[in-house]
Amino acid sequence: MSTSPEHQAAVDGGPWLFSPDRPTAVRTSSLFLPEAVLFDRDGTLVEDIPYNGDPELLRPMPGARAAVAAARSFGLAVGVVSNQSGVARGLLSREHVEAVRRRVDSMFGLFDVWAVCPHGPADGCGCRKPAPGLVLAACERLGADPVRTVVIGDIGSDMAAAAAAGARGVLVPTPVTLRAEVRGAAETAPDLLAAVSAVLPAGARAGGAR
């Protein structure tokens, strides 16, 4: 296990939170809309490259830009919740994580919050998905009620984290999603735009968003 300064600070301080310089807050007051949509990063927003610290390798997943734009078009706060155990394994530094974050923000527009778990499986933290800590930390930063928050991801730990936090989870399977994870998901969608549409009230679908 790495004993780098980044890893020790992560163990001591919990999840890393990043947000714009301007204050972030829930923007919608409609009781029929979620207050926030939190996206997993790897395999959901961008192609999954294990322990990637190189912004130049990032490629958006199909429909990801449209899905994020659709959520924003309805006034929803949007954020990212991501496990990055490469920090604990000594493969990534905080600078790597921040460089990738900045690149994703440049591709999709500025997210209202990022909550990143830099721990490894053996660290016993409360934020590494499937634990609820990332979702709860992001909601707290946004001022969003977890019960009115949606988590969209591609694997079972994303859904488990959502459920543990009291949030709604929508699984968007990819070729790496296990069949058991699909069977165990309370809700699935064929793609990211469909996932966002599914959490909007009838008559307010995001299908026309680009």
N, C-alpha and C. Protein backbone atom coordinates (compact mmCIF):
# COMPACT_ATOMS: atom_id res chain seq x y z
N MET A 1 0.84 -1.19 0.00
CA MET A 1 0.00 0.00 0.00
C MET A 1 0.88 1.25 0.00
N SER A 2 0.56 2.20 -0.83
CA SER A 2 1.35 3.42 -0.91
C SER A 2 1.26 4.22 0.39
N THR A 3 2.37 4.87 0.76
CA THR A 3 2.36 5.80 1.88
C THR A 3 2.70 7.20 1.39
N SER A 4 2.31 7.51 0.15
CA SER A 4 2.58 8.83 -0.41
C SER A 4 1.82 9.90 0.38
N PRO A 5 2.27 11.16 0.33
CA PRO A 5 1.52 12.22 1.00
C PRO A 5 0.08 12.31 0.54
N GLU A 6 -0.16 12.08 -0.78
CA GLU A 6 -1.53 12.14 -1.29
C GLU A 6 -2.41 11.07 -0.63
N HIS A 7 -1.84 9.86 -0.48
CA HIS A 7 -2.63 8.78 0.11
C HIS A 7 -2.88 9.05 1.58
N GLN A 8 -1.86 9.48 2.33
CA GLN A 8 -2.06 9.72 3.76
C GLN A 8 -3.06 10.85 4.00
N ALA A 9 -2.98 11.90 3.20
CA ALA A 9 -3.93 13.00 3.34
C ALA A 9 -5.34 12.53 3.04
N ALA A 10 -5.45 11.64 2.06
CA ALA A 10 -6.77 11.12 1.70
C ALA A 10 -7.35 10.30 2.84
N VAL A 11 -6.53 9.44 3.45
CA VAL A 11 -7.00 8.61 4.56
C VAL A 11 -7.43 9.51 5.72
N ASP A 12 -6.64 10.54 5.99
CA ASP A 12 -6.94 11.42 7.12
C ASP A 12 -8.14 12.32 6.85
N GLY A 13 -8.30 12.76 5.61
CA GLY A 13 -9.26 13.83 5.34
C GLY A 13 -10.53 13.43 4.63
N GLY A 14 -10.70 12.17 4.27
CA GLY A 14 -11.93 11.76 3.61
C GLY A 14 -11.91 12.08 2.12
N PRO A 15 -13.09 12.20 1.51
CA PRO A 15 -13.15 12.40 0.06
C PRO A 15 -12.62 13.76 -0.35
N TRP A 16 -12.14 13.83 -1.57
CA TRP A 16 -11.74 15.11 -2.15
C TRP A 16 -12.98 15.73 -2.79
N LEU A 17 -13.22 17.01 -2.50
CA LEU A 17 -14.33 17.74 -3.08
C LEU A 17 -13.80 18.89 -3.90
N PHE A 18 -14.31 19.01 -5.12
CA PHE A 18 -13.95 20.11 -6.01
C PHE A 18 -15.25 20.76 -6.48
N SER A 19 -15.27 22.08 -6.48
CA SER A 19 -16.42 22.80 -7.02
C SER A 19 -15.95 24.13 -7.56
N PRO A 20 -16.75 24.76 -8.41
CA PRO A 20 -16.34 26.05 -8.97
C PRO A 20 -16.13 27.10 -7.88
N ASP A 21 -15.43 28.17 -8.26
CA ASP A 21 -15.21 29.26 -7.32
C ASP A 21 -16.52 29.91 -6.89
N ARG A 22 -17.47 29.97 -7.83
CA ARG A 22 -18.77 30.52 -7.48
C ARG A 22 -19.52 29.53 -6.60
N PRO A 23 -20.37 30.02 -5.70
CA PRO A 23 -21.15 29.09 -4.86
C PRO A 23 -22.04 28.20 -5.71
N THR A 24 -22.19 26.96 -5.31
CA THR A 24 -23.08 26.05 -6.00
C THR A 24 -24.29 25.78 -5.13
N ALA A 25 -25.42 25.62 -5.76
CA ALA A 25 -26.65 25.36 -5.00
C ALA A 25 -27.67 24.75 -5.94
N VAL A 26 -28.64 24.11 -5.36
CA VAL A 26 -29.74 23.57 -6.14
C VAL A 26 -30.47 24.70 -6.84
N ARG A 27 -30.76 24.50 -8.13
CA ARG A 27 -31.36 25.58 -8.91
C ARG A 27 -32.85 25.39 -9.17
N THR A 28 -33.33 24.16 -9.07
CA THR A 28 -34.74 23.92 -9.36
C THR A 28 -35.55 23.89 -8.07
N SER A 29 -36.75 24.45 -8.12
CA SER A 29 -37.64 24.42 -6.96
C SER A 29 -38.85 23.54 -7.22
N SER A 30 -38.90 22.88 -8.38
CA SER A 30 -40.04 22.04 -8.72
C SER A 30 -40.03 20.76 -7.90
N LEU A 31 -41.17 20.43 -7.32
CA LEU A 31 -41.29 19.19 -6.55
C LEU A 31 -41.31 17.97 -7.45
N PHE A 32 -41.47 18.18 -8.76
CA PHE A 32 -41.56 17.07 -9.70
C PHE A 32 -40.22 16.73 -10.35
N LEU A 33 -39.19 17.48 -10.02
CA LEU A 33 -37.87 17.26 -10.58
C LEU A 33 -36.90 16.86 -9.47
N PRO A 34 -35.88 16.06 -9.80
CA PRO A 34 -34.81 15.85 -8.83
C PRO A 34 -34.06 17.15 -8.59
N GLU A 35 -33.38 17.22 -7.47
CA GLU A 35 -32.59 18.42 -7.18
C GLU A 35 -31.20 18.34 -7.80
N ALA A 36 -30.69 17.13 -7.98
CA ALA A 36 -29.34 16.97 -8.52
C ALA A 36 -29.23 15.64 -9.23
N VAL A 37 -28.36 15.60 -10.23
CA VAL A 37 -28.00 14.36 -10.92
C VAL A 37 -26.50 14.20 -10.80
N LEU A 38 -26.07 13.09 -10.22
CA LEU A 38 -24.67 12.79 -10.02
C LEU A 38 -24.26 11.65 -10.95
N PHE A 39 -23.24 11.88 -11.74
CA PHE A 39 -22.77 10.90 -12.70
C PHE A 39 -21.47 10.26 -12.21
N ASP A 40 -21.37 8.94 -12.39
CA ASP A 40 -20.08 8.27 -12.27
C ASP A 40 -19.19 8.79 -13.40
N ARG A 41 -17.86 8.70 -13.23
CA ARG A 41 -16.96 9.22 -14.27
C ARG A 41 -16.59 8.16 -15.28
N ASP A 42 -15.80 7.17 -14.86
CA ASP A 42 -15.23 6.20 -15.80
C ASP A 42 -16.26 5.14 -16.18
N GLY A 43 -16.48 5.00 -17.49
CA GLY A 43 -17.47 4.06 -17.99
C GLY A 43 -18.86 4.66 -18.09
N THR A 44 -19.02 5.88 -17.58
CA THR A 44 -20.31 6.56 -17.67
C THR A 44 -20.17 7.85 -18.46
N LEU A 45 -19.41 8.81 -17.95
CA LEU A 45 -19.17 10.04 -18.69
C LEU A 45 -18.09 9.87 -19.74
N VAL A 46 -17.02 9.18 -19.37
CA VAL A 46 -15.89 8.98 -20.29
C VAL A 46 -15.53 7.50 -20.33
N GLU A 47 -14.86 7.11 -21.40
CA GLU A 47 -14.43 5.73 -21.54
C GLU A 47 -13.54 5.34 -20.36
N ASP A 48 -13.69 4.11 -19.91
CA ASP A 48 -12.97 3.64 -18.74
C ASP A 48 -11.57 3.18 -19.14
N ILE A 49 -10.57 3.96 -18.71
CA ILE A 49 -9.16 3.58 -18.87
C ILE A 49 -8.61 3.44 -17.46
N PRO A 50 -8.30 2.23 -17.01
CA PRO A 50 -7.91 2.03 -15.61
C PRO A 50 -6.76 2.93 -15.17
N TYR A 51 -6.96 3.59 -14.03
CA TYR A 51 -5.94 4.42 -13.39
C TYR A 51 -5.39 5.50 -14.34
N ASN A 52 -6.28 6.09 -15.09
CA ASN A 52 -5.84 7.08 -16.07
C ASN A 52 -5.59 8.44 -15.42
N GLY A 53 -4.38 8.96 -15.63
CA GLY A 53 -4.06 10.31 -15.18
C GLY A 53 -3.71 11.24 -16.32
N ASP A 54 -3.96 10.80 -17.56
CA ASP A 54 -3.60 11.58 -18.74
C ASP A 54 -4.86 12.17 -19.38
N PRO A 55 -5.07 13.48 -19.27
CA PRO A 55 -6.27 14.09 -19.85
C PRO A 55 -6.42 13.87 -21.34
N GLU A 56 -5.31 13.70 -22.04
CA GLU A 56 -5.37 13.55 -23.49
C GLU A 56 -5.99 12.23 -23.93
N LEU A 57 -6.07 11.26 -23.03
CA LEU A 57 -6.65 9.96 -23.38
C LEU A 57 -8.18 9.93 -23.23
N LEU A 58 -8.75 10.97 -22.66
CA LEU A 58 -10.18 10.95 -22.36
C LEU A 58 -11.03 11.02 -23.63
N ARG A 59 -12.07 10.18 -23.65
CA ARG A 59 -13.05 10.20 -24.74
C ARG A 59 -14.44 10.10 -24.10
N PRO A 60 -15.37 10.97 -24.50
CA PRO A 60 -16.71 10.91 -23.91
C PRO A 60 -17.44 9.64 -24.32
N MET A 61 -18.25 9.11 -23.42
CA MET A 61 -19.10 7.97 -23.75
C MET A 61 -20.22 8.43 -24.68
N PRO A 62 -20.76 7.53 -25.50
CA PRO A 62 -21.85 7.91 -26.41
C PRO A 62 -23.03 8.52 -25.65
N GLY A 63 -23.47 9.68 -26.12
CA GLY A 63 -24.63 10.33 -25.53
C GLY A 63 -24.37 11.06 -24.24
N ALA A 64 -23.12 11.03 -23.75
CA ALA A 64 -22.85 11.63 -22.44
C ALA A 64 -23.02 13.14 -22.45
N ARG A 65 -22.52 13.80 -23.47
CA ARG A 65 -22.66 15.26 -23.54
C ARG A 65 -24.13 15.66 -23.60
N ALA A 66 -24.91 14.95 -24.40
CA ALA A 66 -26.33 15.27 -24.51
C ALA A 66 -27.05 15.05 -23.19
N ALA A 67 -26.67 14.01 -22.47
CA ALA A 67 -27.33 13.71 -21.21
C ALA A 67 -27.06 14.80 -20.17
N VAL A 68 -25.80 15.23 -20.07
CA VAL A 68 -25.48 16.28 -19.12
C VAL A 68 -26.16 17.59 -19.51
N ALA A 69 -26.15 17.90 -20.80
CA ALA A 69 -26.82 19.12 -21.26
C ALA A 69 -28.32 19.06 -20.97
N ALA A 70 -28.91 17.89 -21.12
CA ALA A 70 -30.34 17.75 -20.86
C ALA A 70 -30.66 18.02 -19.40
N ALA A 71 -29.85 17.46 -18.50
CA ALA A 71 -30.07 17.71 -17.08
C ALA A 71 -29.96 19.19 -16.77
N ARG A 72 -28.96 19.84 -17.33
CA ARG A 72 -28.79 21.27 -17.09
C ARG A 72 -29.96 22.07 -17.66
N SER A 73 -30.51 21.63 -18.78
CA SER A 73 -31.58 22.40 -19.43
C SER A 73 -32.83 22.45 -18.57
N PHE A 74 -32.96 21.53 -17.62
CA PHE A 74 -34.10 21.54 -16.70
C PHE A 74 -33.73 22.15 -15.35
N GLY A 75 -32.58 22.81 -15.28
CA GLY A 75 -32.18 23.50 -14.08
C GLY A 75 -31.64 22.63 -12.99
N LEU A 76 -31.23 21.41 -13.33
CA LEU A 76 -30.74 20.49 -12.31
C LEU A 76 -29.26 20.72 -12.05
N ALA A 77 -28.86 20.66 -10.79
CA ALA A 77 -27.44 20.65 -10.47
C ALA A 77 -26.84 19.33 -10.94
N VAL A 78 -25.63 19.38 -11.45
CA VAL A 78 -24.98 18.16 -11.95
C VAL A 78 -23.61 18.02 -11.30
N GLY A 79 -23.27 16.78 -10.96
CA GLY A 79 -21.99 16.52 -10.33
C GLY A 79 -21.41 15.19 -10.74
N VAL A 80 -20.22 14.91 -10.25
CA VAL A 80 -19.50 13.68 -10.56
C VAL A 80 -19.09 13.02 -9.25
N VAL A 81 -19.31 11.72 -9.15
CA VAL A 81 -18.87 10.94 -7.98
C VAL A 81 -18.02 9.80 -8.50
N SER A 82 -16.75 9.74 -8.06
CA SER A 82 -15.81 8.83 -8.71
C SER A 82 -14.84 8.21 -7.71
N ASN A 83 -14.73 6.87 -7.74
CA ASN A 83 -13.66 6.17 -7.03
C ASN A 83 -12.37 6.29 -7.82
N GLN A 84 -11.29 6.67 -7.15
CA GLN A 84 -9.98 6.74 -7.80
C GLN A 84 -8.94 6.08 -6.91
N SER A 85 -9.02 4.75 -6.84
CA SER A 85 -8.11 4.02 -5.96
C SER A 85 -6.67 4.04 -6.47
N GLY A 86 -6.45 4.53 -7.68
CA GLY A 86 -5.08 4.68 -8.17
C GLY A 86 -4.24 5.57 -7.28
N VAL A 87 -4.89 6.49 -6.55
CA VAL A 87 -4.15 7.33 -5.61
C VAL A 87 -3.60 6.47 -4.48
N ALA A 88 -4.46 5.64 -3.89
CA ALA A 88 -4.03 4.76 -2.80
C ALA A 88 -2.98 3.76 -3.27
N ARG A 89 -3.06 3.36 -4.52
CA ARG A 89 -2.12 2.38 -5.06
C ARG A 89 -0.80 3.02 -5.50
N GLY A 90 -0.68 4.34 -5.38
CA GLY A 90 0.54 5.03 -5.77
C GLY A 90 0.67 5.25 -7.26
N LEU A 91 -0.41 5.07 -8.01
CA LEU A 91 -0.38 5.21 -9.47
C LEU A 91 -0.82 6.59 -9.94
N LEU A 92 -1.51 7.32 -9.07
CA LEU A 92 -2.01 8.65 -9.41
C LEU A 92 -1.71 9.60 -8.26
N SER A 93 -1.51 10.86 -8.61
CA SER A 93 -1.38 11.92 -7.61
C SER A 93 -2.63 12.79 -7.66
N ARG A 94 -2.76 13.68 -6.69
CA ARG A 94 -3.87 14.63 -6.73
C ARG A 94 -3.80 15.48 -8.00
N GLU A 95 -2.59 15.79 -8.43
CA GLU A 95 -2.43 16.59 -9.66
C GLU A 95 -2.99 15.84 -10.86
N HIS A 96 -2.78 14.54 -10.93
CA HIS A 96 -3.35 13.74 -12.02
C HIS A 96 -4.88 13.82 -11.98
N VAL A 97 -5.44 13.62 -10.80
CA VAL A 97 -6.90 13.63 -10.66
C VAL A 97 -7.47 14.99 -11.06
N GLU A 98 -6.80 16.05 -10.64
CA GLU A 98 -7.30 17.39 -10.97
C GLU A 98 -7.14 17.69 -12.45
N ALA A 99 -6.08 17.22 -13.07
CA ALA A 99 -5.90 17.45 -14.50
C ALA A 99 -6.99 16.77 -15.31
N VAL A 100 -7.33 15.54 -14.92
CA VAL A 100 -8.43 14.84 -15.60
C VAL A 100 -9.75 15.55 -15.34
N ARG A 101 -9.96 16.00 -14.11
CA ARG A 101 -11.20 16.73 -13.79
C ARG A 101 -11.34 17.97 -14.67
N ARG A 102 -10.26 18.73 -14.79
CA ARG A 102 -10.34 19.95 -15.60
C ARG A 102 -10.65 19.63 -17.06
N ARG A 103 -10.09 18.54 -17.56
CA ARG A 103 -10.36 18.15 -18.95
C ARG A 103 -11.81 17.73 -19.13
N VAL A 104 -12.35 16.97 -18.18
CA VAL A 104 -13.76 16.57 -18.26
C VAL A 104 -14.66 17.81 -18.20
N ASP A 105 -14.33 18.75 -17.32
CA ASP A 105 -15.10 19.99 -17.24
C ASP A 105 -15.05 20.75 -18.56
N SER A 106 -13.91 20.72 -19.23
CA SER A 106 -13.80 21.43 -20.51
C SER A 106 -14.61 20.74 -21.60
N MET A 107 -14.79 19.43 -21.48
CA MET A 107 -15.54 18.67 -22.48
C MET A 107 -17.06 18.81 -22.28
N PHE A 108 -17.48 18.88 -21.02
CA PHE A 108 -18.91 18.82 -20.70
C PHE A 108 -19.46 20.14 -20.16
N GLY A 109 -18.60 21.09 -19.87
CA GLY A 109 -19.01 22.26 -19.12
C GLY A 109 -18.77 22.01 -17.64
N LEU A 110 -18.68 23.10 -16.89
CA LEU A 110 -18.29 23.02 -15.49
C LEU A 110 -19.33 22.28 -14.66
N PHE A 111 -18.92 21.19 -14.01
CA PHE A 111 -19.82 20.49 -13.09
C PHE A 111 -19.92 21.26 -11.78
N ASP A 112 -21.08 21.17 -11.14
CA ASP A 112 -21.31 21.92 -9.91
C ASP A 112 -20.52 21.36 -8.73
N VAL A 113 -20.20 20.08 -8.77
CA VAL A 113 -19.41 19.48 -7.72
C VAL A 113 -18.76 18.20 -8.24
N TRP A 114 -17.56 17.94 -7.74
CA TRP A 114 -16.90 16.65 -7.92
C TRP A 114 -16.63 16.09 -6.52
N ALA A 115 -16.97 14.84 -6.31
CA ALA A 115 -16.61 14.14 -5.08
C ALA A 115 -15.80 12.91 -5.48
N VAL A 116 -14.56 12.86 -5.03
CA VAL A 116 -13.62 11.81 -5.46
C VAL A 116 -13.12 11.06 -4.24
N CYS A 117 -13.21 9.73 -4.29
CA CYS A 117 -12.64 8.89 -3.24
C CYS A 117 -11.25 8.45 -3.67
N PRO A 118 -10.20 8.85 -2.94
CA PRO A 118 -8.84 8.45 -3.30
C PRO A 118 -8.34 7.23 -2.53
N HIS A 119 -9.24 6.53 -1.86
CA HIS A 119 -8.84 5.40 -1.02
C HIS A 119 -8.80 4.09 -1.81
N GLY A 120 -8.16 3.12 -1.20
CA GLY A 120 -8.17 1.76 -1.73
C GLY A 120 -9.18 0.90 -1.00
N PRO A 121 -9.43 -0.30 -1.51
CA PRO A 121 -10.42 -1.17 -0.89
C PRO A 121 -10.11 -1.52 0.56
N ALA A 122 -8.84 -1.51 0.95
CA ALA A 122 -8.47 -1.90 2.30
C ALA A 122 -8.45 -0.75 3.29
N ASP A 123 -8.74 0.46 2.84
CA ASP A 123 -8.62 1.62 3.72
C ASP A 123 -9.79 1.77 4.69
N GLY A 124 -10.89 1.11 4.42
CA GLY A 124 -12.02 1.16 5.33
C GLY A 124 -12.70 2.51 5.41
N CYS A 125 -12.69 3.27 4.32
CA CYS A 125 -13.32 4.60 4.32
C CYS A 125 -14.83 4.46 4.16
N GLY A 126 -15.52 5.55 4.37
CA GLY A 126 -16.97 5.56 4.19
C GLY A 126 -17.40 6.19 2.88
N CYS A 127 -16.41 6.53 2.02
CA CYS A 127 -16.78 7.23 0.78
C CYS A 127 -16.61 6.37 -0.46
N ARG A 128 -15.77 5.36 -0.42
CA ARG A 128 -15.57 4.55 -1.61
C ARG A 128 -16.84 3.79 -1.96
N LYS A 129 -17.37 4.04 -3.15
CA LYS A 129 -18.55 3.28 -3.58
C LYS A 129 -18.22 1.78 -3.54
N PRO A 130 -19.10 0.97 -2.93
CA PRO A 130 -20.55 1.14 -2.73
C PRO A 130 -20.99 1.84 -1.46
N ALA A 131 -20.06 2.37 -0.64
CA ALA A 131 -20.47 3.15 0.51
C ALA A 131 -21.11 4.47 0.03
N PRO A 132 -21.90 5.12 0.86
CA PRO A 132 -22.66 6.29 0.42
C PRO A 132 -21.93 7.61 0.52
N GLY A 133 -20.68 7.63 1.02
CA GLY A 133 -20.03 8.88 1.37
C GLY A 133 -19.88 9.89 0.25
N LEU A 134 -19.55 9.43 -0.96
CA LEU A 134 -19.39 10.37 -2.07
C LEU A 134 -20.71 11.04 -2.41
N VAL A 135 -21.77 10.26 -2.44
CA VAL A 135 -23.09 10.81 -2.77
C VAL A 135 -23.51 11.81 -1.69
N LEU A 136 -23.33 11.46 -0.44
CA LEU A 136 -23.73 12.34 0.66
C LEU A 136 -22.89 13.62 0.67
N ALA A 137 -21.59 13.49 0.41
CA ALA A 137 -20.72 14.67 0.40
C ALA A 137 -21.10 15.61 -0.74
N ALA A 138 -21.38 15.05 -1.92
CA ALA A 138 -21.78 15.88 -3.05
C ALA A 138 -23.10 16.58 -2.77
N CYS A 139 -24.04 15.86 -2.19
CA CYS A 139 -25.34 16.46 -1.87
C CYS A 139 -25.17 17.58 -0.85
N GLU A 140 -24.34 17.37 0.15
CA GLU A 140 -24.12 18.40 1.16
C GLU A 140 -23.53 19.65 0.53
N ARG A 141 -22.56 19.49 -0.36
CA ARG A 141 -21.94 20.64 -1.01
C ARG A 141 -22.97 21.40 -1.86
N LEU A 142 -23.88 20.67 -2.49
CA LEU A 142 -24.89 21.29 -3.35
C LEU A 142 -26.08 21.83 -2.58
N GLY A 143 -26.26 21.40 -1.33
CA GLY A 143 -27.48 21.73 -0.62
C GLY A 143 -28.67 20.94 -1.13
N ALA A 144 -28.41 19.74 -1.66
CA ALA A 144 -29.45 18.89 -2.23
C ALA A 144 -29.85 17.80 -1.24
N ASP A 145 -31.12 17.45 -1.26
CA ASP A 145 -31.61 16.33 -0.46
C ASP A 145 -31.23 15.03 -1.16
N PRO A 146 -30.53 14.12 -0.50
CA PRO A 146 -30.19 12.85 -1.16
C PRO A 146 -31.41 12.12 -1.70
N VAL A 147 -32.54 12.24 -1.01
CA VAL A 147 -33.76 11.56 -1.47
C VAL A 147 -34.24 12.12 -2.80
N ARG A 148 -33.86 13.35 -3.11
CA ARG A 148 -34.25 13.97 -4.38
C ARG A 148 -33.04 14.08 -5.31
N THR A 149 -32.12 13.14 -5.16
CA THR A 149 -30.91 13.10 -5.99
C THR A 149 -30.88 11.80 -6.77
N VAL A 150 -30.38 11.86 -7.99
CA VAL A 150 -30.26 10.71 -8.86
C VAL A 150 -28.78 10.42 -9.11
N VAL A 151 -28.40 9.16 -9.02
CA VAL A 151 -27.04 8.73 -9.34
C VAL A 151 -27.10 7.85 -10.58
N ILE A 152 -26.34 8.21 -11.59
CA ILE A 152 -26.30 7.45 -12.85
C ILE A 152 -24.91 6.85 -13.00
N GLY A 153 -24.86 5.53 -13.17
CA GLY A 153 -23.57 4.85 -13.30
C GLY A 153 -23.69 3.58 -14.11
N ASP A 154 -22.55 2.89 -14.23
CA ASP A 154 -22.50 1.72 -15.12
C ASP A 154 -22.26 0.41 -14.40
N ILE A 155 -22.04 0.44 -13.07
CA ILE A 155 -21.79 -0.81 -12.36
C ILE A 155 -22.57 -0.85 -11.05
N GLY A 156 -22.59 -2.02 -10.45
CA GLY A 156 -23.40 -2.23 -9.27
C GLY A 156 -23.01 -1.37 -8.09
N SER A 157 -21.72 -1.05 -7.92
CA SER A 157 -21.32 -0.24 -6.78
C SER A 157 -21.90 1.17 -6.86
N ASP A 158 -22.12 1.68 -8.07
CA ASP A 158 -22.78 2.98 -8.22
C ASP A 158 -24.21 2.91 -7.68
N MET A 159 -24.89 1.83 -8.01
CA MET A 159 -26.27 1.67 -7.57
C MET A 159 -26.35 1.44 -6.06
N ALA A 160 -25.39 0.68 -5.53
CA ALA A 160 -25.38 0.41 -4.09
C ALA A 160 -25.11 1.70 -3.31
N ALA A 161 -24.22 2.53 -3.82
CA ALA A 161 -23.94 3.80 -3.15
C ALA A 161 -25.17 4.70 -3.15
N ALA A 162 -25.88 4.73 -4.28
CA ALA A 162 -27.11 5.52 -4.36
C ALA A 162 -28.12 5.03 -3.33
N ALA A 163 -28.33 3.73 -3.28
CA ALA A 163 -29.32 3.17 -2.36
C ALA A 163 -28.94 3.43 -0.91
N ALA A 164 -27.65 3.29 -0.59
CA ALA A 164 -27.20 3.51 0.78
C ALA A 164 -27.38 4.96 1.22
N ALA A 165 -27.31 5.88 0.25
CA ALA A 165 -27.48 7.30 0.56
C ALA A 165 -28.94 7.72 0.55
N GLY A 166 -29.83 6.82 0.11
CA GLY A 166 -31.23 7.17 -0.01
C GLY A 166 -31.59 7.82 -1.32
N ALA A 167 -30.65 7.79 -2.27
CA ALA A 167 -30.87 8.40 -3.58
C ALA A 167 -31.44 7.38 -4.57
N ARG A 168 -31.85 7.87 -5.72
CA ARG A 168 -32.36 7.03 -6.79
C ARG A 168 -31.21 6.67 -7.72
N GLY A 169 -31.05 5.42 -8.03
CA GLY A 169 -29.99 4.99 -8.92
C GLY A 169 -30.53 4.50 -10.25
N VAL A 170 -29.85 4.88 -11.32
CA VAL A 170 -30.21 4.40 -12.66
C VAL A 170 -28.95 3.82 -13.29
N LEU A 171 -28.99 2.54 -13.60
CA LEU A 171 -27.86 1.84 -14.19
C LEU A 171 -27.93 1.92 -15.71
N VAL A 172 -26.82 2.33 -16.33
CA VAL A 172 -26.69 2.32 -17.79
C VAL A 172 -25.63 1.29 -18.12
N PRO A 173 -26.03 0.07 -18.45
CA PRO A 173 -25.06 -1.01 -18.66
C PRO A 173 -24.14 -0.76 -19.85
N THR A 174 -22.92 -1.24 -19.72
CA THR A 174 -21.94 -1.25 -20.80
C THR A 174 -21.46 -2.70 -20.94
N PRO A 175 -20.59 -2.98 -21.91
CA PRO A 175 -20.11 -4.36 -22.04
C PRO A 175 -19.42 -4.91 -20.80
N VAL A 176 -18.94 -4.04 -19.91
CA VAL A 176 -18.25 -4.55 -18.71
C VAL A 176 -19.20 -4.72 -17.52
N THR A 177 -20.43 -4.27 -17.66
CA THR A 177 -21.38 -4.43 -16.56
C THR A 177 -21.76 -5.90 -16.42
N LEU A 178 -21.68 -6.41 -15.21
CA LEU A 178 -22.00 -7.81 -14.97
C LEU A 178 -23.51 -8.05 -15.09
N ARG A 179 -23.87 -9.23 -15.57
CA ARG A 179 -25.29 -9.55 -15.68
C ARG A 179 -25.99 -9.49 -14.34
N ALA A 180 -25.29 -9.93 -13.30
CA ALA A 180 -25.88 -9.89 -11.96
C ALA A 180 -26.14 -8.44 -11.53
N GLU A 181 -25.29 -7.52 -11.95
CA GLU A 181 -25.51 -6.11 -11.62
C GLU A 181 -26.73 -5.56 -12.33
N VAL A 182 -26.93 -5.99 -13.56
CA VAL A 182 -28.13 -5.54 -14.29
C VAL A 182 -29.37 -6.12 -13.63
N ARG A 183 -29.33 -7.40 -13.29
CA ARG A 183 -30.49 -8.02 -12.65
C ARG A 183 -30.79 -7.38 -11.29
N GLY A 184 -29.74 -6.97 -10.61
CA GLY A 184 -29.93 -6.43 -9.27
C GLY A 184 -30.29 -4.97 -9.22
N ALA A 185 -30.21 -4.28 -10.37
CA ALA A 185 -30.50 -2.84 -10.38
C ALA A 185 -32.00 -2.59 -10.28
N ALA A 186 -32.37 -1.63 -9.47
CA ALA A 186 -33.79 -1.26 -9.34
C ALA A 186 -34.29 -0.61 -10.62
N GLU A 187 -33.38 0.04 -11.35
CA GLU A 187 -33.79 0.76 -12.56
C GLU A 187 -32.62 0.78 -13.54
N THR A 188 -32.90 0.51 -14.80
CA THR A 188 -31.88 0.56 -15.84
C THR A 188 -32.37 1.43 -17.00
N ALA A 189 -31.42 1.89 -17.81
CA ALA A 189 -31.74 2.65 -19.01
C ALA A 189 -30.76 2.22 -20.10
N PRO A 190 -31.19 2.27 -21.36
CA PRO A 190 -30.31 1.80 -22.43
C PRO A 190 -29.16 2.74 -22.74
N ASP A 191 -29.29 4.00 -22.38
CA ASP A 191 -28.23 4.97 -22.64
C ASP A 191 -28.37 6.13 -21.66
N LEU A 192 -27.41 7.03 -21.68
CA LEU A 192 -27.38 8.10 -20.69
C LEU A 192 -28.52 9.10 -20.87
N LEU A 193 -28.84 9.43 -22.12
CA LEU A 193 -29.93 10.37 -22.33
C LEU A 193 -31.25 9.78 -21.87
N ALA A 194 -31.45 8.49 -22.10
CA ALA A 194 -32.65 7.82 -21.61
C ALA A 194 -32.68 7.81 -20.09
N ALA A 195 -31.52 7.69 -19.46
CA ALA A 195 -31.47 7.70 -18.00
C ALA A 195 -31.91 9.04 -17.45
N VAL A 196 -31.45 10.13 -18.06
CA VAL A 196 -31.88 11.46 -17.63
C VAL A 196 -33.36 11.65 -17.89
N SER A 197 -33.83 11.23 -19.06
CA SER A 197 -35.25 11.35 -19.39
C SER A 197 -36.11 10.60 -18.38
N ALA A 198 -35.62 9.46 -17.91
CA ALA A 198 -36.41 8.63 -17.01
C ALA A 198 -36.68 9.29 -15.67
N VAL A 199 -35.83 10.24 -15.27
CA VAL A 199 -36.02 10.87 -13.97
C VAL A 199 -36.76 12.19 -14.06
N LEU A 200 -37.21 12.54 -15.28
CA LEU A 200 -38.01 13.74 -15.47
C LEU A 200 -39.48 13.37 -15.51
N PRO A 201 -40.36 14.30 -15.11
CA PRO A 201 -41.78 13.98 -15.14
C PRO A 201 -42.28 13.80 -16.57
N ALA A 202 -43.37 13.06 -16.72
CA ALA A 202 -43.98 12.84 -18.02
C ALA A 202 -44.27 14.20 -18.66
N GLY A 203 -43.96 14.29 -19.96
CA GLY A 203 -44.18 15.54 -20.68
C GLY A 203 -42.98 16.47 -20.62
N ALA A 204 -41.96 16.09 -19.87
CA ALA A 204 -40.77 16.93 -19.76
C ALA A 204 -39.53 16.13 -20.12
N ARG A 205 -39.69 15.24 -21.12
CA ARG A 205 -38.59 14.36 -21.48
C ARG A 205 -37.46 15.12 -22.16
N ALA A 206 -36.26 14.53 -22.05
CA ALA A 206 -35.06 15.19 -22.57
C ALA A 206 -34.67 14.66 -23.93
N GLY A 207 -35.53 13.94 -24.59
CA GLY A 207 -35.16 13.29 -25.84
C GLY A 207 -34.74 14.23 -26.93
N GLY A 208 -35.20 15.49 -26.88
CA GLY A 208 -34.84 16.43 -27.92
C GLY A 208 -33.56 17.18 -27.65
N ALA A 209 -32.96 16.96 -26.48
CA ALA A 209 -31.75 17.69 -26.13
C ALA A 209 -30.57 17.24 -26.98
N ARG A 210 -29.70 18.16 -27.27
CA ARG A 210 -28.50 17.84 -28.05
C ARG A 210 -27.27 18.44 -27.35
